[in-house]
PDB file of N, CA and C in Angstrom:
ATOM      1  N   MET A   1       0.753  -1.371   0.623  1.00  0.00           N
ATOM      2  CA  MET A   1       0.374  -0.160   0.196  1.00  0.00           C
ATOM      3  C   MET A   1       0.846   1.520  -0.178  1.00  0.00           C
ATOM      4  N   ARG A   2       0.208   2.300  -0.862  1.00  0.00           N
ATOM      5  CA  ARG A   2       1.334   3.272  -0.747  1.00  0.00           C
ATOM      6  C   ARG A   2       1.150   4.463   0.146  1.00  0.00           C
ATOM      7  N   ALA A   3       1.312   5.521   0.489  1.00  0.00           N
ATOM      8  CA  ALA A   3       1.905   6.635   2.007  1.00  0.00           C
ATOM      9  C   ALA A   3       1.113   7.652   0.919  1.00  0.00           C
ATOM     10  N   ILE A   4       0.669   8.088   0.992  1.00  0.00           N
ATOM     11  CA  ILE A   4      -0.287   9.327   0.860  1.00  0.00           C
ATOM     12  C   ILE A   4       0.722  10.655   1.128  1.00  0.00           C
ATOM     13  N   ALA A   5       0.843  11.164  -0.001  1.00  0.00           N
ATOM     14  CA  ALA A   5       1.635  12.698   0.433  1.00  0.00           C
ATOM     15  C   ALA A   5       0.702  14.114   1.645  1.00  0.00           C
ATOM     16  N   GLY A   6       2.637  13.637   2.659  1.00  0.00           N
ATOM     17  CA  GLY A   6       1.553  13.953   3.618  1.00  0.00           C
ATOM     18  C   GLY A   6       1.218  13.407   4.604  1.00  0.00           C
ATOM     19  N   GLN A   7       1.536  11.965   4.804  1.00  0.00           N
ATOM     20  CA  GLN A   7       1.227  11.089   6.341  1.00  0.00           C
ATOM     21  C   GLN A   7       2.090  11.085   6.522  1.00  0.00           C
ATOM     22  N   MET A   8       1.932  10.575   7.935  1.00  0.00           N
ATOM     23  CA  MET A   8       3.251  10.703   9.012  1.00  0.00           C
ATOM     24  C   MET A   8       3.851   9.406   8.573  1.00  0.00           C
ATOM     25  N   SER A   9       3.676   8.104   7.329  1.00  0.00           N
ATOM     26  CA  SER A   9       4.109   7.266   7.339  1.00  0.00           C
ATOM     27  C   SER A   9       5.850   8.189   6.040  1.00  0.00           C
ATOM     28  N   ASP A  10       5.654   9.123   5.754  1.00  0.00           N
ATOM     29  CA  ASP A  10       6.084   9.812   4.856  1.00  0.00           C
ATOM     30  C   ASP A  10       7.808  10.026   5.050  1.00  0.00           C
ATOM     31  N   ASN A  11       8.463   8.733   5.881  1.00  0.00           N
ATOM     32  CA  ASN A  11       9.514   9.001   6.316  1.00  0.00           C
ATOM     33  C   ASN A  11      10.640  10.282   6.447  1.00  0.00           C
ATOM     34  N   ARG A  12      10.239  11.175   7.176  1.00  0.00           N
ATOM     35  CA  ARG A  12       9.803  12.012   8.184  1.00  0.00           C
ATOM     36  C   ARG A  12      10.428  12.509   9.606  1.00  0.00           C
ATOM     37  N   PRO A  13      10.920  13.209  10.234  1.00  0.00           N
ATOM     38  CA  PRO A  13      11.580  13.243  11.367  1.00  0.00           C
ATOM     39  C   PRO A  13      10.277  13.642  12.132  1.00  0.00           C
ATOM     40  N   ILE A  14       9.766  13.043  13.410  1.00  0.00           N
ATOM     41  CA  ILE A  14       8.457  13.510  14.678  1.00  0.00           C
ATOM     42  C   ILE A  14       9.230  14.413  14.942  1.00  0.00           C
ATOM     43  N   GLN A  15       9.160  15.885  15.174  1.00  0.00           N
ATOM     44  CA  GLN A  15       8.522  16.980  15.685  1.00  0.00           C
ATOM     45  C   GLN A  15       8.239  17.235  16.989  1.00  0.00           C
ATOM     46  N   ARG A  16       9.368  17.090  17.666  1.00  0.00           N
ATOM     47  CA  ARG A  16       8.745  17.006  19.158  1.00  0.00           C
ATOM     48  C   ARG A  16       9.570  18.347  20.001  1.00  0.00           C
ATOM     49  N   ASN A  17       8.586  18.869  20.744  1.00  0.00           N
ATOM     50  CA  ASN A  17       8.793  20.026  21.831  1.00  0.00           C
ATOM     51  C   ASN A  17       9.642  19.353  22.587  1.00  0.00           C
ATOM     52  N   ARG A  18      10.264  20.378  23.825  1.00  0.00           N
ATOM     53  CA  ARG A  18      11.145  20.550  24.337  1.00  0.00           C
ATOM     54  C   ARG A  18      11.041  19.703  25.742  1.00  0.00           C
ATOM     55  N   GLU A  19      10.110  19.247  26.115  1.00  0.00           N
ATOM     56  CA  GLU A  19       8.991  18.289  26.987  1.00  0.00           C
ATOM     57  C   GLU A  19       8.983  17.113  26.434  1.00  0.00           C
ATOM     58  N   GLN A  20       8.876  16.748  25.421  1.00  0.00           N
ATOM     59  CA  GLN A  20       8.986  15.517  24.324  1.00  0.00           C
ATOM     60  C   GLN A  20       9.971  14.784  24.549  1.00  0.00           C
ATOM     61  N   LYS A  21      10.869  15.825  24.115  1.00  0.00           N
ATOM     62  CA  LYS A  21      13.132  15.300  23.873  1.00  0.00           C
ATOM     63  C   LYS A  21      12.911  15.349  25.849  1.00  0.00           C
ATOM     64  N   GLN A  22      12.803  15.977  26.397  1.00  0.00           N
ATOM     65  CA  GLN A  22      13.070  15.970  28.300  1.00  0.00           C
ATOM     66  C   GLN A  22      12.730  14.119  27.885  1.00  0.00           C
ATOM     67  N   ARG A  23      11.374  13.778  28.543  1.00  0.00           N
ATOM     68  CA  ARG A  23      10.868  12.698  28.812  1.00  0.00           C
ATOM     69  C   ARG A  23      11.587  11.422  27.868  1.00  0.00           C
ATOM     70  N   GLN A  24      12.099  11.676  26.621  1.00  0.00           N
ATOM     71  CA  GLN A  24      12.368  10.201  25.957  1.00  0.00           C
ATOM     72  C   GLN A  24      13.835  10.406  26.246  1.00  0.00           C
ATOM     73  N   LEU A  25      14.133  11.460  26.608  1.00  0.00           N
ATOM     74  CA  LEU A  25      16.045  11.705  26.844  1.00  0.00           C
ATOM     75  C   LEU A  25      15.455  10.727  28.260  1.00  0.00           C
ATOM     76  N   ARG A  26      14.862  10.923  29.271  1.00  0.00           N
ATOM     77  CA  ARG A  26      14.743  10.599  30.711  1.00  0.00           C
ATOM     78  C   ARG A  26      14.451   8.978  30.949  1.00  0.00           C
ATOM     79  N   GLU A  27      13.154   8.530  29.560  1.00  0.00           N
ATOM     80  CA  GLU A  27      13.123   6.984  28.811  1.00  0.00           C
ATOM     81  C   GLU A  27      14.368   6.256  28.574  1.00  0.00           C
ATOM     82  N   LEU A  28      15.152   7.327  27.559  1.00  0.00           N
ATOM     83  CA  LEU A  28      16.285   6.329  27.294  1.00  0.00           C
ATOM     84  C   LEU A  28      17.202   5.601  28.206  1.00  0.00           C
ATOM     85  N   LYS A  29      17.551   6.578  29.118  1.00  0.00           N
ATOM     86  CA  LYS A  29      18.155   6.876  30.047  1.00  0.00           C
ATOM     87  C   LYS A  29      17.994   5.343  30.955  1.00  0.00           C
ATOM     88  N   GLU A  30      16.934   5.921  30.664  1.00  0.00           N
ATOM     89  CA  GLU A  30      16.249   4.245  31.641  1.00  0.00           C
ATOM     90  C   GLU A  30      16.007   3.297  31.290  1.00  0.00           C
ATOM     91  N   THR A  31      15.640   3.095  30.364  1.00  0.00           N
ATOM     92  CA  THR A  31      16.307   2.111  29.474  1.00  0.00           C
ATOM     93  C   THR A  31      17.631   1.454  29.158  1.00  0.00           C
ATOM     94  N   LEU A  32      18.448   2.243  29.528  1.00  0.00           N
ATOM     95  CA  LEU A  32      20.056   1.643  29.227  1.00  0.00           C
ATOM     96  C   LEU A  32      19.927   1.143  30.489  1.00  0.00           C
ATOM     97  N   ALA A  33      19.234   1.751  31.999  1.00  0.00           N
ATOM     98  CA  ALA A  33      20.443   1.260  33.153  1.00  0.00           C
ATOM     99  C   ALA A  33      19.668   0.007  33.026  1.00  0.00           C
ATOM    100  N   GLY A  34      18.474  -0.308  32.929  1.00  0.00           N
ATOM    101  CA  GLY A  34      17.820  -1.189  33.083  1.00  0.00           C
ATOM    102  C   GLY A  34      17.922  -2.422  31.633  1.00  0.00           C
ATOM    103  N   MET A  35      19.038  -2.778  30.881  1.00  0.00           N
ATOM    104  CA  MET A  35      19.520  -3.565  30.385  1.00  0.00           C
ATOM    105  C   MET A  35      20.265  -4.511  31.210  1.00  0.00           C
ATOM    106  N   LYS A  36      20.043  -5.766  30.489  1.00  0.00           N
ATOM    107  CA  LYS A  36      20.512  -6.927  31.202  1.00  0.00           C
ATOM    108  C   LYS A  36      21.824  -6.722  30.783  1.00  0.00           C
ATOM    109  N   SER A  37      22.857  -7.582  31.220  1.00  0.00           N
ATOM    110  CA  SER A  37      24.807  -7.946  30.918  1.00  0.00           C
ATOM    111  C   SER A  37      24.147  -8.643  29.502  1.00  0.00           C
ATOM    112  N   HIS A  38      23.364  -9.135  29.731  1.00  0.00           N
ATOM    113  CA  HIS A  38      23.366 -10.150  28.166  1.00  0.00           C
ATOM    114  C   HIS A  38      23.158  -9.428  26.561  1.00  0.00           C
ATOM    115  N   THR A  39      22.645  -8.278  27.044  1.00  0.00           N
ATOM    116  CA  THR A  39      22.152  -7.228  26.045  1.00  0.00           C
ATOM    117  C   THR A  39      23.492  -7.265  24.734  1.00  0.00           C
ATOM    118  N   SER A  40      23.284  -6.813  23.649  1.00  0.00           N
ATOM    119  CA  SER A  40      23.733  -6.776  22.478  1.00  0.00           C
ATOM    120  C   SER A  40      24.757  -5.529  22.865  1.00  0.00           C
ATOM    121  N   PRO A  41      26.404  -5.220  22.617  1.00  0.00           N
ATOM    122  CA  PRO A  41      26.526  -4.269  22.484  1.00  0.00           C
ATOM    123  C   PRO A  41      25.978  -3.266  21.113  1.00  0.00           C
ATOM    124  N   SER A  42      25.565  -3.900  19.955  1.00  0.00           N
ATOM    125  CA  SER A  42      25.029  -2.531  19.282  1.00  0.00           C
ATOM    126  C   SER A  42      24.226  -2.349  19.642  1.00  0.00           C
ATOM    127  N   LEU A  43      22.961  -2.586  20.467  1.00  0.00           N
ATOM    128  CA  LEU A  43      22.072  -2.321  21.146  1.00  0.00           C
ATOM    129  C   LEU A  43      22.630  -1.083  21.351  1.00  0.00           C
ATOM    130  N   ARG A  44      23.887  -1.156  22.566  1.00  0.00           N
ATOM    131  CA  ARG A  44      23.992  -0.787  24.021  1.00  0.00           C
ATOM    132  C   ARG A  44      24.623   0.748  23.447  1.00  0.00           C
ATOM    133  N   ALA A  45      25.504   0.635  22.594  1.00  0.00           N
ATOM    134  CA  ALA A  45      25.367   2.135  21.424  1.00  0.00           C
ATOM    135  C   ALA A  45      24.672   2.290  21.019  1.00  0.00           C
ATOM    136  N   SER A  46      23.464   2.444  20.270  1.00  0.00           N
ATOM    137  CA  SER A  46      22.807   3.067  19.233  1.00  0.00           C
ATOM    138  C   SER A  46      21.495   3.661  20.395  1.00  0.00           C
ATOM    139  N   LEU A  47      21.013   3.004  22.036  1.00  0.00           N
ATOM    140  CA  LEU A  47      21.148   4.007  23.183  1.00  0.00           C
ATOM    141  C   LEU A  47      22.068   5.067  22.761  1.00  0.00           C
ATOM    142  N   THR A  48      23.302   4.139  23.550  1.00  0.00           N
ATOM    143  CA  THR A  48      23.543   5.909  23.573  1.00  0.00           C
ATOM    144  C   THR A  48      24.086   6.819  22.470  1.00  0.00           C
ATOM    145  N   SER A  49      23.929   6.050  21.273  1.00  0.00           N
ATOM    146  CA  SER A  49      24.346   7.426  19.856  1.00  0.00           C
ATOM    147  C   SER A  49      22.957   8.677  20.456  1.00  0.00           C
ATOM    148  N   LYS A  50      21.960   7.479  21.080  1.00  0.00           N
ATOM    149  CA  LYS A  50      20.737   8.306  20.673  1.00  0.00           C
ATOM    150  C   LYS A  50      20.503   9.108  21.602  1.00  0.00           C
ATOM    151  N   ILE A  51      21.093   8.970  23.145  1.00  0.00           N
ATOM    152  CA  ILE A  51      21.324   9.683  24.129  1.00  0.00           C
ATOM    153  C   ILE A  51      21.973  10.984  24.041  1.00  0.00           C
ATOM    154  N   ALA A  52      22.730  10.283  23.783  1.00  0.00           N
ATOM    155  CA  ALA A  52      24.258  11.697  22.747  1.00  0.00           C
ATOM    156  C   ALA A  52      23.281  12.448  22.113  1.00  0.00           C
ATOM    157  N   ALA A  53      22.881  12.390  20.948  1.00  0.00           N
ATOM    158  CA  ALA A  53      22.608  12.899  19.929  1.00  0.00           C
ATOM    159  C   ALA A  53      20.749  13.921  20.310  1.00  0.00           C
ATOM    160  N   LEU A  54      20.322  13.572  22.248  1.00  0.00           N
ATOM    161  CA  LEU A  54      19.104  13.747  22.549  1.00  0.00           C
ATOM    162  C   LEU A  54      19.707  14.781  23.247  1.00  0.00           C
ATOM    163  N   GLU A  55      21.256  15.019  23.909  1.00  0.00           N
ATOM    164  CA  GLU A  55      21.743  16.026  24.868  1.00  0.00           C
ATOM    165  C   GLU A  55      21.525  17.258  24.409  1.00  0.00           C
ATOM    166  N   ALA A  56      23.197  17.015  22.971  1.00  0.00           N
ATOM    167  CA  ALA A  56      23.603  17.615  22.031  1.00  0.00           C
ATOM    168  C   ALA A  56      22.402  18.817  21.349  1.00  0.00           C
ATOM    169  N   GLU A  57      21.277  18.023  21.571  1.00  0.00           N
ATOM    170  CA  GLU A  57      20.149  19.276  21.055  1.00  0.00           C
ATOM    171  C   GLU A  57      19.517  19.956  21.775  1.00  0.00           C
ATOM    172  N   LEU A  58      19.265  19.363  23.169  1.00  0.00           N
ATOM    173  CA  LEU A  58      18.742  19.945  24.556  1.00  0.00           C
ATOM    174  C   LEU A  58      19.745  20.944  24.772  1.00  0.00           C
ATOM    175  N   GLY A  59      20.879  20.662  24.384  1.00  0.00           N
ATOM    176  CA  GLY A  59      21.398  21.740  25.541  1.00  0.00           C
ATOM    177  C   GLY A  59      21.772  23.155  24.071  1.00  0.00           C
ATOM    178  N   GLY A  60      22.166  22.872  22.914  1.00  0.00           N
ATOM    179  CA  GLY A  60      21.893  23.743  22.346  1.00  0.00           C
ATOM    180  C   GLY A  60      20.519  24.848  22.494  1.00  0.00           C
ATOM    181  N   THR A  61      19.328  24.218  22.640  1.00  0.00           N
ATOM    182  CA  THR A  61      18.007  24.443  22.821  1.00  0.00           C
ATOM    183  C   THR A  61      18.468  25.636  24.093  1.00  0.00           C
ATOM    184  N   LYS A  62      19.303  24.600  25.012  1.00  0.00           N
ATOM    185  CA  LYS A  62      19.049  25.754  26.076  1.00  0.00           C
ATOM    186  C   LYS A  62      20.049  27.143  26.127  1.00  0.00           C
ATOM    187  N   ALA A  63      21.046  27.364  24.748  1.00  0.00           N
ATOM    188  CA  ALA A  63      21.789  28.350  24.697  1.00  0.00           C
ATOM    189  C   ALA A  63      21.242  29.726  24.196  1.00  0.00           C
ATOM    190  N   ARG A  64      19.793  28.804  23.642  1.00  0.00           N
ATOM    191  CA  ARG A  64      19.059  30.026  22.782  1.00  0.00           C
ATOM    192  C   ARG A  64      18.271  30.983  23.693  1.00  0.00           C
TER     193      ARG A  64
END
């Protein structure tokens, strides 16, 4: 099934406000802290990079 122009499935990033980004950052940190020792290193690296990107984005937003 093809997507119609303007649908949320258009492969574009979801726009989040500051509170949503802070909540997502908190949830990602909790997820990372709660991971078992046998969790794949690539999944840990993926979460760590997403956390770093969110922290950088939120840090840049504070300076404005």
